[in-house]
Structure formats: C-alpha cells, structure tokens
Amino acid sequence: MTKSKRCWMIALAAVLLQLTLARTGAAEVVDRIVAEVNDDIITMSELQQVTKSIEAQSGVKPTAGQSKQIQRQMLDTLIDRKLGKAEAKRRGITVSDKEVNEALDHFKQRNNIPSDEALAKALANEGLSFKEFKQQIKDQIIQDRLISLTVGSKIMISDAEVRKVYEERFKTGGTQLHLRSVRIPYPPGATDAQREEIKGKAETLLKEVKQGGSFTEAARKLSLDVTDLGFVSLSDLDPRLAEFLGKLQPKEVAPVETPQGWQLVQLVGRRSGEARPFEEVAPEIRRILMQQEMQKQFGEWVKTLRNKAHIKIML
C-alpha cells in the first residue's frame, strides 16, 4: 500500500469514529422512547446503536455495570446533541451545499483520496453511504459554527501550554505502531446465521495466529485480504484506540466487533518516530488545544441549555 493511500485510510477511520454519534438519528426501528428533549425524542434503538458502537471501537468488553454507565453517558451526549442542533437552528446557522462540497473536496485532497468513487467504496465497508457521509459533514460544520459562536472568542492558549505539550508528546517523535488489518464485513441485511458465520471466520483466523500461524497466510486461506497500514503514530489515533492498540505485543492480533462486522488488527512492531522541530508543530498543537478547550467550554455552555429545556428521561 502506498503511503498516501495508507494516510487517507487512517484519516477516514478517524473521521468515522468521530462521527459515530451523528449516525444515531436515523434509527429505523422505534421500540420505545428513553428520553424527551423539548419537542424531540431519543429512542432505545438510537441509544443501543451508539452504545454498542462505542463499546466495539474500544475493543474492551465492559461488565454489566460498566455497560449501564456507558449507556447513561451516551444518553447524556445524545441529549446535548439534540439541544445543540435545535439551538443552531434557532440562531439561523446554516450550511450551503457549496460549502459541504468544498469541505468534502478538501477532505479528499488532504488525504489523497482520488475520487468520490474511492471514498464511497471505503464508506460502504463501514456501512455508511456517500449521502449519509455528506450529511454528517454538514452537521459537523453546523456544530463547529455553533461552538465558535458561543465559546470561541473566550479561548486563549498560551505559548507555555503549547511548549508543554510539545515537550511531552512531540519532542522525541512519539511511538509508532506498524499495523496490519483484516476486515470481515457483514453482508447488507445480514441474518443472525450470517453474522455467526462471519464471527466464526474471525475466530478461526485468530485461533490459527495464536497457535503460531502467519496472519497473512491464515487470512489467505479464508480468502481474506490483509491491509498493511504501515507505521502509524499513536498521537494520530483516537485516544481510546491508541490505548487499546498500545497494549498489544508484536505479532499479537486483536479482534474488534463493530456494527459493520469484524476487524482483526495485528501489531507487527514498534519504533520511535522522527522528532519534529517546535516551530513546525506548534501551530498544530495550538489548534488541537483550542479544539479541546472549546469542546470543554461548549459542554459547560450546553448545561445552560439543559437548565432551560424540558428533559424527561425514561431509561
């Protein structure tokens, strides 16, 4: 795999992970209402979908008590998103089709994605359509504008804060992981039997590797393709994913079930990344710190919306 293709695949995975919560609004099965948020509702199917997605992406099977806690945290997040979306509409925050298309083009250019078709194919592997992805980009732009409007002008990041992060995470280059991946997606509208068949494939591959077999050869026997992601910096990954993969030993394979199927990731090896000079990385660090602080203050601001809203939880 070329370096450019590897980079955009990693970037796409990160975006899909970031936008997981945005996908819950299209639940097809309305079983029961778990919360009322002003004139809107949240269903159990929405909540279960996002909870299972978060648990699957963490790679860790939570206990019953932990699952309940995660579910409640996700419900609070969904409530905040409903309130934020309604507030953005009230303030007249809109995004044109032209702006969405420009953001999509920028995403493809930044990550060297050659065409809409290539992006659509990658999205399909994640159970997401091109149209849904564009809607999520639109929703994210609207939320970013709401955040900027409500708390953006209050954020100041000092040079000392930027320097501190550089010394801790970037000065030595950080850790890089060489990863290989196998995806085993569920077919569209998969039955329970088909899901079990896919799970069986994942278990067979994992068992053979644990017994000393080659990850690549084991996958080939099952007619599965292995994608070599090359070296990936831990700092480029979602913190939860970085923590999970960082615990793997060389040649160890980690199975992760997602709503779209199974993924097996093998750690090939580790190395220290090449250090980048402070002047080069400082703007990136400042941007990350700005985003983190804005999200934090936005969360506090949303609490004021909660105090004014009609919220009824029936979980």
Foldseek 3Di string as FASTA:
>chain_A
DDLLLLQLLQVVVQVCVVLLLVPLVPDPDADDFFKDWFPDTHGPSSLVQSLQQVCLLLLDDDDPVVSVVSSVVSVVVNSLLVLLVVVLVVVVQFDDPVRLVVVVVVSCVVSVPPDLVSVQVSVVLVVHGPVRVSVSSRSVVSSVVSLCVPCVVVDDDDPVNLVVCCVVDFQFQAKKWWKKKWFQFQPVPHDPVSQVVLVVLVVQLLVCLVVPDDSCVSCVVVVIDMHGSGIDGLVSHDVSNSVVVVPDDASHWRWGAHPGGIMIMGTNDMDGGDHDDSVVCSVVSVVVVSVVVSVVVVVVVSVVSVVVIDMDGRD
